[in-house]
Amino acid sequence: MNLKPLLFTAVLAAFPAFADEGSRLDDARQVANSLPPKLLQVLIEEIGKGGPENAISVCRERAPLMAKAVSEKTGWAIRRVSLRARNAKAVPDAWEKAGLEEFDQRLAAGAAAAGIEKFEVVAEGGQSVFRYMKALPTQDVCLVCHGTPARMTPAVTTKLRELYPDDKATGYEADQIRGAISLKRPL
Protein backbone atom coordinates (compact mmCIF):
# COMPACT_ATOMS: atom_id res chain seq x y z
CA MET A 1 0.00 0.00 0.00
CA ASN A 2 1.37 3.39 -0.97
CA LEU A 3 1.16 5.68 2.04
CA LYS A 4 2.37 8.81 0.23
CA PRO A 5 -1.13 9.97 -0.85
CA LEU A 6 -2.48 9.39 2.68
CA LEU A 7 0.43 11.23 4.24
CA PHE A 8 0.04 14.11 1.75
CA THR A 9 -3.70 14.33 2.57
CA ALA A 10 -2.98 14.31 6.31
CA VAL A 11 -0.42 17.10 5.95
CA LEU A 12 -2.89 19.14 3.86
CA ALA A 13 -5.56 18.77 6.53
CA ALA A 14 -3.19 19.76 9.32
CA PHE A 15 -1.74 22.80 7.59
CA PRO A 16 -4.06 25.05 5.54
CA ALA A 17 -1.10 26.60 3.67
CA PHE A 18 -0.29 23.15 2.27
CA ALA A 19 -3.94 22.74 1.29
CA ASP A 20 -3.53 25.76 -1.00
CA GLU A 21 -0.48 24.09 -2.56
CA GLY A 22 -2.46 20.86 -2.99
CA SER A 23 -5.23 22.78 -4.72
CA ARG A 24 -2.71 24.49 -7.02
CA LEU A 25 -1.12 21.14 -7.78
CA ASP A 26 -4.50 19.61 -8.68
CA ASP A 27 -5.27 22.61 -10.89
CA ALA A 28 -1.85 22.44 -12.59
CA ARG A 29 -2.26 18.72 -13.25
CA GLN A 30 -5.70 19.26 -14.74
CA VAL A 31 -4.44 22.03 -17.04
CA ALA A 32 -1.31 20.09 -18.05
CA ASN A 33 -3.35 17.00 -18.81
CA SER A 34 -5.91 18.90 -20.89
CA LEU A 35 -3.63 20.11 -23.68
CA PRO A 36 -1.80 17.00 -24.98
CA PRO A 37 -4.94 15.01 -25.94
CA LYS A 38 -6.29 17.99 -27.89
CA LEU A 39 -2.97 18.42 -29.67
CA LEU A 40 -2.81 14.69 -30.42
CA GLN A 41 -6.28 14.79 -31.95
CA VAL A 42 -5.37 17.72 -34.22
CA LEU A 43 -2.11 16.00 -35.22
CA ILE A 44 -3.93 12.82 -36.23
CA GLU A 45 -6.54 14.79 -38.20
CA GLU A 46 -3.92 16.79 -40.09
CA ILE A 47 -1.81 13.74 -40.88
CA GLY A 48 -4.96 12.10 -42.23
CA LYS A 49 -5.68 15.10 -44.45
CA GLY A 50 -2.26 15.60 -46.00
CA GLY A 51 0.32 13.18 -44.70
CA PRO A 52 2.91 13.37 -41.94
CA GLU A 53 4.37 16.65 -43.17
CA ASN A 54 1.11 18.32 -42.09
CA ALA A 55 2.01 17.52 -38.48
CA ILE A 56 4.86 20.03 -38.61
CA SER A 57 2.55 23.03 -38.97
CA VAL A 58 0.39 21.73 -36.11
CA CYS A 59 3.29 21.75 -33.65
CA ARG A 60 4.80 24.90 -35.14
CA GLU A 61 1.68 27.07 -35.40
CA ARG A 62 -1.39 25.55 -33.80
CA ALA A 63 0.11 24.11 -30.60
CA PRO A 64 1.35 27.53 -29.38
CA LEU A 65 -2.09 29.00 -30.11
CA MET A 66 -3.76 26.18 -28.22
CA ALA A 67 -1.42 26.73 -25.24
CA LYS A 68 -2.09 30.47 -25.36
CA ALA A 69 -5.86 29.90 -25.30
CA VAL A 70 -5.56 27.57 -22.30
CA SER A 71 -3.24 30.10 -20.59
CA GLU A 72 -5.76 32.90 -21.09
CA LYS A 73 -8.60 30.73 -19.83
CA THR A 74 -6.81 29.37 -16.75
CA GLY A 75 -4.27 32.00 -15.72
CA TRP A 76 -1.35 29.58 -16.03
CA ALA A 77 1.63 30.49 -18.22
CA ILE A 78 2.02 27.35 -20.37
CA ARG A 79 4.75 26.23 -22.72
CA ARG A 80 6.39 23.11 -24.09
CA VAL A 81 10.12 22.66 -23.42
CA SER A 82 12.77 20.12 -24.39
CA LEU A 83 16.44 19.40 -23.81
CA ARG A 84 16.61 18.79 -27.57
CA ALA A 85 14.60 21.78 -28.75
CA ARG A 86 13.43 22.19 -32.29
CA ASN A 87 13.02 25.95 -31.92
CA ALA A 88 14.19 28.68 -29.56
CA LYS A 89 10.79 28.98 -27.87
CA ALA A 90 11.15 25.45 -26.50
CA VAL A 91 14.55 25.97 -24.85
CA PRO A 92 14.10 25.37 -21.11
CA ASP A 93 15.00 27.89 -18.43
CA ALA A 94 17.28 26.70 -15.58
CA TRP A 95 14.41 25.26 -13.48
CA GLU A 96 12.92 23.45 -16.48
CA LYS A 97 16.33 22.14 -17.59
CA ALA A 98 17.00 20.66 -14.15
CA GLY A 99 13.51 19.13 -14.19
CA LEU A 100 13.99 17.58 -17.63
CA GLU A 101 17.34 16.12 -16.59
CA GLU A 102 15.68 14.68 -13.47
CA PHE A 103 12.89 13.26 -15.67
CA ASP A 104 15.46 11.41 -17.80
CA GLN A 105 17.09 9.98 -14.66
CA ARG A 106 13.74 8.84 -13.30
CA LEU A 107 12.86 7.24 -16.65
CA ALA A 108 16.23 5.43 -16.69
CA ALA A 109 15.51 4.19 -13.15
CA GLY A 110 12.29 2.58 -14.37
CA ALA A 111 9.60 5.21 -13.79
CA ALA A 112 6.80 5.33 -16.36
CA ALA A 113 7.28 8.46 -18.49
CA ALA A 114 3.58 9.37 -18.43
CA GLY A 115 3.58 9.73 -14.63
CA ILE A 116 6.73 11.83 -14.22
CA GLU A 117 6.16 15.34 -12.90
CA LYS A 118 7.80 18.03 -10.79
CA PHE A 119 6.37 20.96 -8.84
CA GLU A 120 7.47 23.53 -6.30
CA VAL A 121 7.15 27.11 -5.19
CA VAL A 122 10.15 29.17 -6.28
CA ALA A 123 11.20 32.79 -6.00
CA GLU A 124 11.30 34.67 -9.30
CA GLY A 125 11.96 38.39 -9.41
CA GLY A 126 11.13 38.77 -5.72
CA GLN A 127 7.80 36.97 -6.09
CA SER A 128 6.70 33.46 -5.16
CA VAL A 129 5.71 31.41 -8.19
CA PHE A 130 4.17 27.93 -8.33
CA ARG A 131 5.94 25.87 -11.02
CA TYR A 132 4.80 22.57 -12.47
CA MET A 133 6.15 20.32 -15.20
CA LYS A 134 4.82 17.07 -16.63
CA ALA A 135 6.84 14.80 -18.91
CA LEU A 136 5.63 14.41 -22.48
CA PRO A 137 6.43 10.87 -23.57
CA THR A 138 7.00 10.28 -27.24
CA GLN A 139 4.02 8.53 -28.77
CA ASP A 140 4.00 6.67 -32.04
CA VAL A 141 2.43 9.61 -33.92
CA CYS A 142 5.26 11.87 -32.69
CA LEU A 143 7.83 9.69 -34.43
CA VAL A 144 6.76 10.81 -37.91
CA CYS A 145 8.60 14.09 -37.20
CA HIS A 146 10.72 13.29 -34.13
CA GLY A 147 11.79 9.71 -34.81
CA THR A 148 14.80 8.22 -36.50
CA PRO A 149 15.43 9.03 -40.18
CA ALA A 150 14.00 5.61 -41.11
CA ARG A 151 10.65 6.63 -39.55
CA MET A 152 10.42 9.97 -41.36
CA THR A 153 9.29 10.45 -44.95
CA PRO A 154 11.47 12.42 -47.39
CA ALA A 155 8.82 15.19 -47.38
CA VAL A 156 9.05 15.51 -43.57
CA THR A 157 12.86 15.50 -43.63
CA THR A 158 12.94 18.18 -46.32
CA LYS A 159 10.41 20.40 -44.54
CA LEU A 160 12.20 20.07 -41.20
CA ARG A 161 15.55 21.01 -42.75
CA GLU A 162 13.89 24.01 -44.39
CA LEU A 163 12.10 25.26 -41.26
CA TYR A 164 14.60 24.15 -38.60
CA PRO A 165 18.15 24.02 -39.94
CA ASP A 166 19.52 23.49 -36.41
CA ASP A 167 16.92 20.89 -35.42
CA LYS A 168 17.90 18.74 -32.44
CA ALA A 169 14.49 17.13 -31.93
CA THR A 170 14.83 13.90 -33.90
CA GLY A 171 16.09 10.41 -33.16
CA TYR A 172 13.48 9.55 -30.53
CA GLU A 173 11.92 6.16 -29.90
CA ALA A 174 8.46 5.52 -28.45
CA ASP A 175 8.06 6.22 -24.71
CA GLN A 176 11.17 8.36 -24.42
CA ILE A 177 10.69 11.78 -22.86
CA ARG A 178 10.45 14.22 -25.76
CA GLY A 179 10.09 17.18 -23.42
CA ALA A 180 7.60 18.54 -20.93
CA ILE A 181 4.65 20.79 -20.58
CA SER A 182 5.63 23.55 -18.18
CA LEU A 183 3.24 25.73 -16.19
CA LYS A 184 3.76 28.57 -13.78
CA ARG A 185 1.61 31.09 -11.96
CA PRO A 186 2.50 33.79 -9.43
CA LEU A 187 1.11 33.29 -5.94
C-alpha atoms as a PDB file:
ATOM      1  CA  MET A   1       0.000   0.000   0.000  1.00  0.00           C
ATOM      2  CA  ASN A   2       1.371   3.388  -0.974  1.00  0.00           C
ATOM      3  CA  LEU A   3       1.164   5.677   2.042  1.00  0.00           C
ATOM      4  CA  LYS A   4       2.367   8.806   0.232  1.00  0.00           C
ATOM      5  CA  PRO A   5      -1.134   9.965  -0.847  1.00  0.00           C
ATOM      6  CA  LEU A   6      -2.478   9.390   2.682  1.00  0.00           C
ATOM      7  CA  LEU A   7       0.427  11.229   4.245  1.00  0.00           C
ATOM      8  CA  PHE A   8       0.035  14.105   1.750  1.00  0.00           C
ATOM      9  CA  THR A   9      -3.703  14.328   2.567  1.00  0.00           C
ATOM     10  CA  ALA A  10      -2.980  14.311   6.314  1.00  0.00           C
ATOM     11  CA  VAL A  11      -0.423  17.099   5.948  1.00  0.00           C
ATOM     12  CA  LEU A  12      -2.889  19.140   3.862  1.00  0.00           C
ATOM     13  CA  ALA A  13      -5.558  18.770   6.526  1.00  0.00           C
ATOM     14  CA  ALA A  14      -3.189  19.763   9.322  1.00  0.00           C
ATOM     15  CA  PHE A  15      -1.742  22.804   7.590  1.00  0.00           C
ATOM     16  CA  PRO A  16      -4.064  25.047   5.539  1.00  0.00           C
ATOM     17  CA  ALA A  17      -1.104  26.596   3.667  1.00  0.00           C
ATOM     18  CA  PHE A  18      -0.285  23.155   2.271  1.00  0.00           C
ATOM     19  CA  ALA A  19      -3.943  22.739   1.295  1.00  0.00           C
ATOM     20  CA  ASP A  20      -3.527  25.756  -0.997  1.00  0.00           C
ATOM     21  CA  GLU A  21      -0.484  24.091  -2.560  1.00  0.00           C
ATOM     22  CA  GLY A  22      -2.461  20.864  -2.987  1.00  0.00           C
ATOM     23  CA  SER A  23      -5.230  22.775  -4.718  1.00  0.00           C
ATOM     24  CA  ARG A  24      -2.710  24.493  -7.018  1.00  0.00           C
ATOM     25  CA  LEU A  25      -1.123  21.136  -7.780  1.00  0.00           C
ATOM     26  CA  ASP A  26      -4.500  19.609  -8.676  1.00  0.00           C
ATOM     27  CA  ASP A  27      -5.265  22.605 -10.892  1.00  0.00           C
ATOM     28  CA  ALA A  28      -1.847  22.444 -12.593  1.00  0.00           C
ATOM     29  CA  ARG A  29      -2.258  18.717 -13.247  1.00  0.00           C
ATOM     30  CA  GLN A  30      -5.695  19.257 -14.742  1.00  0.00           C
ATOM     31  CA  VAL A  31      -4.445  22.032 -17.036  1.00  0.00           C
ATOM     32  CA  ALA A  32      -1.310  20.094 -18.055  1.00  0.00           C
ATOM     33  CA  ASN A  33      -3.353  16.996 -18.815  1.00  0.00           C
ATOM     34  CA  SER A  34      -5.912  18.902 -20.885  1.00  0.00           C
ATOM     35  CA  LEU A  35      -3.631  20.112 -23.675  1.00  0.00           C
ATOM     36  CA  PRO A  36      -1.795  17.002 -24.976  1.00  0.00           C
ATOM     37  CA  PRO A  37      -4.939  15.010 -25.938  1.00  0.00           C
ATOM     38  CA  LYS A  38      -6.286  17.989 -27.893  1.00  0.00           C
ATOM     39  CA  LEU A  39      -2.969  18.416 -29.665  1.00  0.00           C
ATOM     40  CA  LEU A  40      -2.805  14.692 -30.420  1.00  0.00           C
ATOM     41  CA  GLN A  41      -6.284  14.794 -31.948  1.00  0.00           C
ATOM     42  CA  VAL A  42      -5.369  17.718 -34.216  1.00  0.00           C
ATOM     43  CA  LEU A  43      -2.111  16.001 -35.225  1.00  0.00           C
ATOM     44  CA  ILE A  44      -3.927  12.822 -36.229  1.00  0.00           C
ATOM     45  CA  GLU A  45      -6.545  14.786 -38.199  1.00  0.00           C
ATOM     46  CA  GLU A  46      -3.920  16.794 -40.094  1.00  0.00           C
ATOM     47  CA  ILE A  47      -1.806  13.741 -40.880  1.00  0.00           C
ATOM     48  CA  GLY A  48      -4.957  12.101 -42.227  1.00  0.00           C
ATOM     49  CA  LYS A  49      -5.678  15.095 -44.451  1.00  0.00           C
ATOM     50  CA  GLY A  50      -2.256  15.597 -46.002  1.00  0.00           C
ATOM     51  CA  GLY A  51       0.324  13.177 -44.699  1.00  0.00           C
ATOM     52  CA  PRO A  52       2.913  13.369 -41.938  1.00  0.00           C
ATOM     53  CA  GLU A  53       4.374  16.651 -43.172  1.00  0.00           C
ATOM     54  CA  ASN A  54       1.109  18.321 -42.091  1.00  0.00           C
ATOM     55  CA  ALA A  55       2.011  17.519 -38.481  1.00  0.00           C
ATOM     56  CA  ILE A  56       4.859  20.031 -38.607  1.00  0.00           C
ATOM     57  CA  SER A  57       2.548  23.028 -38.967  1.00  0.00           C
ATOM     58  CA  VAL A  58       0.391  21.731 -36.106  1.00  0.00           C
ATOM     59  CA  CYS A  59       3.291  21.747 -33.651  1.00  0.00           C
ATOM     60  CA  ARG A  60       4.796  24.898 -35.135  1.00  0.00           C
ATOM     61  CA  GLU A  61       1.678  27.068 -35.401  1.00  0.00           C
ATOM     62  CA  ARG A  62      -1.391  25.548 -33.796  1.00  0.00           C
ATOM     63  CA  ALA A  63       0.111  24.112 -30.602  1.00  0.00           C
ATOM     64  CA  PRO A  64       1.348  27.528 -29.382  1.00  0.00           C
ATOM     65  CA  LEU A  65      -2.094  29.004 -30.113  1.00  0.00           C
ATOM     66  CA  MET A  66      -3.755  26.178 -28.219  1.00  0.00           C
ATOM     67  CA  ALA A  67      -1.422  26.729 -25.242  1.00  0.00           C
ATOM     68  CA  LYS A  68      -2.088  30.473 -25.357  1.00  0.00           C
ATOM     69  CA  ALA A  69      -5.859  29.902 -25.304  1.00  0.00           C
ATOM     70  CA  VAL A  70      -5.556  27.574 -22.301  1.00  0.00           C
ATOM     71  CA  SER A  71      -3.243  30.102 -20.593  1.00  0.00           C
ATOM     72  CA  GLU A  72      -5.756  32.904 -21.088  1.00  0.00           C
ATOM     73  CA  LYS A  73      -8.604  30.727 -19.831  1.00  0.00           C
ATOM     74  CA  THR A  74      -6.812  29.366 -16.750  1.00  0.00           C
ATOM     75  CA  GLY A  75      -4.273  31.996 -15.718  1.00  0.00           C
ATOM     76  CA  TRP A  76      -1.355  29.576 -16.027  1.00  0.00           C
ATOM     77  CA  ALA A  77       1.626  30.487 -18.225  1.00  0.00           C
ATOM     78  CA  ILE A  78       2.023  27.347 -20.366  1.00  0.00           C
ATOM     79  CA  ARG A  79       4.749  26.230 -22.724  1.00  0.00           C
ATOM     80  CA  ARG A  80       6.394  23.111 -24.090  1.00  0.00           C
ATOM     81  CA  VAL A  81      10.115  22.659 -23.422  1.00  0.00           C
ATOM     82  CA  SER A  82      12.773  20.123 -24.386  1.00  0.00           C
ATOM     83  CA  LEU A  83      16.437  19.399 -23.809  1.00  0.00           C
ATOM     84  CA  ARG A  84      16.612  18.790 -27.567  1.00  0.00           C
ATOM     85  CA  ALA A  85      14.602  21.776 -28.750  1.00  0.00           C
ATOM     86  CA  ARG A  86      13.430  22.187 -32.292  1.00  0.00           C
ATOM     87  CA  ASN A  87      13.023  25.953 -31.921  1.00  0.00           C
ATOM     88  CA  ALA A  88      14.194  28.678 -29.562  1.00  0.00           C
ATOM     89  CA  LYS A  89      10.788  28.984 -27.875  1.00  0.00           C
ATOM     90  CA  ALA A  90      11.147  25.451 -26.497  1.00  0.00           C
ATOM     91  CA  VAL A  91      14.552  25.967 -24.854  1.00  0.00           C
ATOM     92  CA  PRO A  92      14.105  25.371 -21.110  1.00  0.00           C
ATOM     93  CA  ASP A  93      15.000  27.885 -18.433  1.00  0.00           C
ATOM     94  CA  ALA A  94      17.278  26.697 -15.584  1.00  0.00           C
ATOM     95  CA  TRP A  95      14.409  25.261 -13.480  1.00  0.00           C
ATOM     96  CA  GLU A  96      12.925  23.454 -16.476  1.00  0.00           C
ATOM     97  CA  LYS A  97      16.326  22.139 -17.590  1.00  0.00           C
ATOM     98  CA  ALA A  98      16.996  20.659 -14.145  1.00  0.00           C
ATOM     99  CA  GLY A  99      13.511  19.126 -14.188  1.00  0.00           C
ATOM    100  CA  LEU A 100      13.987  17.584 -17.628  1.00  0.00           C
ATOM    101  CA  GLU A 101      17.344  16.119 -16.593  1.00  0.00           C
ATOM    102  CA  GLU A 102      15.679  14.681 -13.469  1.00  0.00           C
ATOM    103  CA  PHE A 103      12.895  13.255 -15.666  1.00  0.00           C
ATOM    104  CA  ASP A 104      15.463  11.415 -17.798  1.00  0.00           C
ATOM    105  CA  GLN A 105      17.091   9.980 -14.657  1.00  0.00           C
ATOM    106  CA  ARG A 106      13.737   8.838 -13.301  1.00  0.00           C
ATOM    107  CA  LEU A 107      12.856   7.237 -16.647  1.00  0.00           C
ATOM    108  CA  ALA A 108      16.230   5.426 -16.691  1.00  0.00           C
ATOM    109  CA  ALA A 109      15.512   4.191 -13.151  1.00  0.00           C
ATOM    110  CA  GLY A 110      12.290   2.582 -14.370  1.00  0.00           C
ATOM    111  CA  ALA A 111       9.603   5.210 -13.789  1.00  0.00           C
ATOM    112  CA  ALA A 112       6.804   5.334 -16.357  1.00  0.00           C
ATOM    113  CA  ALA A 113       7.278   8.462 -18.487  1.00  0.00           C
ATOM    114  CA  ALA A 114       3.582   9.367 -18.431  1.00  0.00           C
ATOM    115  CA  GLY A 115       3.585   9.734 -14.635  1.00  0.00           C
ATOM    116  CA  ILE A 116       6.731  11.825 -14.219  1.00  0.00           C
ATOM    117  CA  GLU A 117       6.159  15.342 -12.897  1.00  0.00           C
ATOM    118  CA  LYS A 118       7.801  18.028 -10.789  1.00  0.00           C
ATOM    119  CA  PHE A 119       6.368  20.955  -8.836  1.00  0.00           C
ATOM    120  CA  GLU A 120       7.473  23.525  -6.305  1.00  0.00           C
ATOM    121  CA  VAL A 121       7.150  27.113  -5.187  1.00  0.00           C
ATOM    122  CA  VAL A 122      10.153  29.165  -6.283  1.00  0.00           C
ATOM    123  CA  ALA A 123      11.200  32.792  -6.000  1.00  0.00           C
ATOM    124  CA  GLU A 124      11.304  34.673  -9.305  1.00  0.00           C
ATOM    125  CA  GLY A 125      11.956  38.390  -9.405  1.00  0.00           C
ATOM    126  CA  GLY A 126      11.126  38.768  -5.720  1.00  0.00           C
ATOM    127  CA  GLN A 127       7.803  36.965  -6.089  1.00  0.00           C
ATOM    128  CA  SER A 128       6.696  33.456  -5.155  1.00  0.00           C
ATOM    129  CA  VAL A 129       5.705  31.409  -8.190  1.00  0.00           C
ATOM    130  CA  PHE A 130       4.169  27.934  -8.331  1.00  0.00           C
ATOM    131  CA  ARG A 131       5.936  25.873 -11.022  1.00  0.00           C
ATOM    132  CA  TYR A 132       4.800  22.571 -12.466  1.00  0.00           C
ATOM    133  CA  MET A 133       6.154  20.319 -15.200  1.00  0.00           C
ATOM    134  CA  LYS A 134       4.825  17.069 -16.627  1.00  0.00           C
ATOM    135  CA  ALA A 135       6.838  14.797 -18.905  1.00  0.00           C
ATOM    136  CA  LEU A 136       5.633  14.412 -22.479  1.00  0.00           C
ATOM    137  CA  PRO A 137       6.426  10.867 -23.565  1.00  0.00           C
ATOM    138  CA  THR A 138       7.003  10.282 -27.242  1.00  0.00           C
ATOM    139  CA  GLN A 139       4.016   8.530 -28.766  1.00  0.00           C
ATOM    140  CA  ASP A 140       4.000   6.669 -32.042  1.00  0.00           C
ATOM    141  CA  VAL A 141       2.430   9.605 -33.922  1.00  0.00           C
ATOM    142  CA  CYS A 142       5.262  11.866 -32.690  1.00  0.00           C
ATOM    143  CA  LEU A 143       7.835   9.692 -34.429  1.00  0.00           C
ATOM    144  CA  VAL A 144       6.757  10.810 -37.913  1.00  0.00           C
ATOM    145  CA  CYS A 145       8.598  14.089 -37.195  1.00  0.00           C
ATOM    146  CA  HIS A 146      10.716  13.292 -34.125  1.00  0.00           C
ATOM    147  CA  GLY A 147      11.792   9.708 -34.809  1.00  0.00           C
ATOM    148  CA  THR A 148      14.800   8.223 -36.501  1.00  0.00           C
ATOM    149  CA  PRO A 149      15.428   9.027 -40.181  1.00  0.00           C
ATOM    150  CA  ALA A 150      14.004   5.613 -41.107  1.00  0.00           C
ATOM    151  CA  ARG A 151      10.653   6.627 -39.553  1.00  0.00           C
ATOM    152  CA  MET A 152      10.418   9.972 -41.362  1.00  0.00           C
ATOM    153  CA  THR A 153       9.285  10.455 -44.946  1.00  0.00           C
ATOM    154  CA  PRO A 154      11.474  12.415 -47.385  1.00  0.00           C
ATOM    155  CA  ALA A 155       8.820  15.186 -47.376  1.00  0.00           C
ATOM    156  CA  VAL A 156       9.054  15.509 -43.574  1.00  0.00           C
ATOM    157  CA  THR A 157      12.857  15.496 -43.626  1.00  0.00           C
ATOM    158  CA  THR A 158      12.938  18.184 -46.320  1.00  0.00           C
ATOM    159  CA  LYS A 159      10.413  20.398 -44.543  1.00  0.00           C
ATOM    160  CA  LEU A 160      12.202  20.066 -41.195  1.00  0.00           C
ATOM    161  CA  ARG A 161      15.552  21.013 -42.752  1.00  0.00           C
ATOM    162  CA  GLU A 162      13.892  24.007 -44.394  1.00  0.00           C
ATOM    163  CA  LEU A 163      12.102  25.258 -41.258  1.00  0.00           C
ATOM    164  CA  TYR A 164      14.597  24.147 -38.598  1.00  0.00           C
ATOM    165  CA  PRO A 165      18.147  24.022 -39.944  1.00  0.00           C
ATOM    166  CA  ASP A 166      19.517  23.495 -36.409  1.00  0.00           C
ATOM    167  CA  ASP A 167      16.921  20.893 -35.421  1.00  0.00           C
ATOM    168  CA  LYS A 168      17.897  18.740 -32.437  1.00  0.00           C
ATOM    169  CA  ALA A 169      14.488  17.131 -31.928  1.00  0.00           C
ATOM    170  CA  THR A 170      14.833  13.899 -33.901  1.00  0.00           C
ATOM    171  CA  GLY A 171      16.090  10.407 -33.162  1.00  0.00           C
ATOM    172  CA  TYR A 172      13.481   9.547 -30.526  1.00  0.00           C
ATOM    173  CA  GLU A 173      11.918   6.161 -29.904  1.00  0.00           C
ATOM    174  CA  ALA A 174       8.459   5.520 -28.447  1.00  0.00           C
ATOM    175  CA  ASP A 175       8.060   6.217 -24.708  1.00  0.00           C
ATOM    176  CA  GLN A 176      11.167   8.361 -24.422  1.00  0.00           C
ATOM    177  CA  ILE A 177      10.691  11.776 -22.860  1.00  0.00           C
ATOM    178  CA  ARG A 178      10.448  14.220 -25.759  1.00  0.00           C
ATOM    179  CA  GLY A 179      10.085  17.184 -23.416  1.00  0.00           C
ATOM    180  CA  ALA A 180       7.597  18.539 -20.930  1.00  0.00           C
ATOM    181  CA  ILE A 181       4.647  20.794 -20.577  1.00  0.00           C
ATOM    182  CA  SER A 182       5.632  23.553 -18.176  1.00  0.00           C
ATOM    183  CA  LEU A 183       3.241  25.725 -16.193  1.00  0.00           C
ATOM    184  CA  LYS A 184       3.757  28.574 -13.781  1.00  0.00           C
ATOM    185  CA  ARG A 185       1.612  31.088 -11.963  1.00  0.00           C
ATOM    186  CA  PRO A 186       2.502  33.795  -9.432  1.00  0.00           C
ATOM    187  CA  LEU A 187       1.109  33.289  -5.944  1.00  0.00           C
END
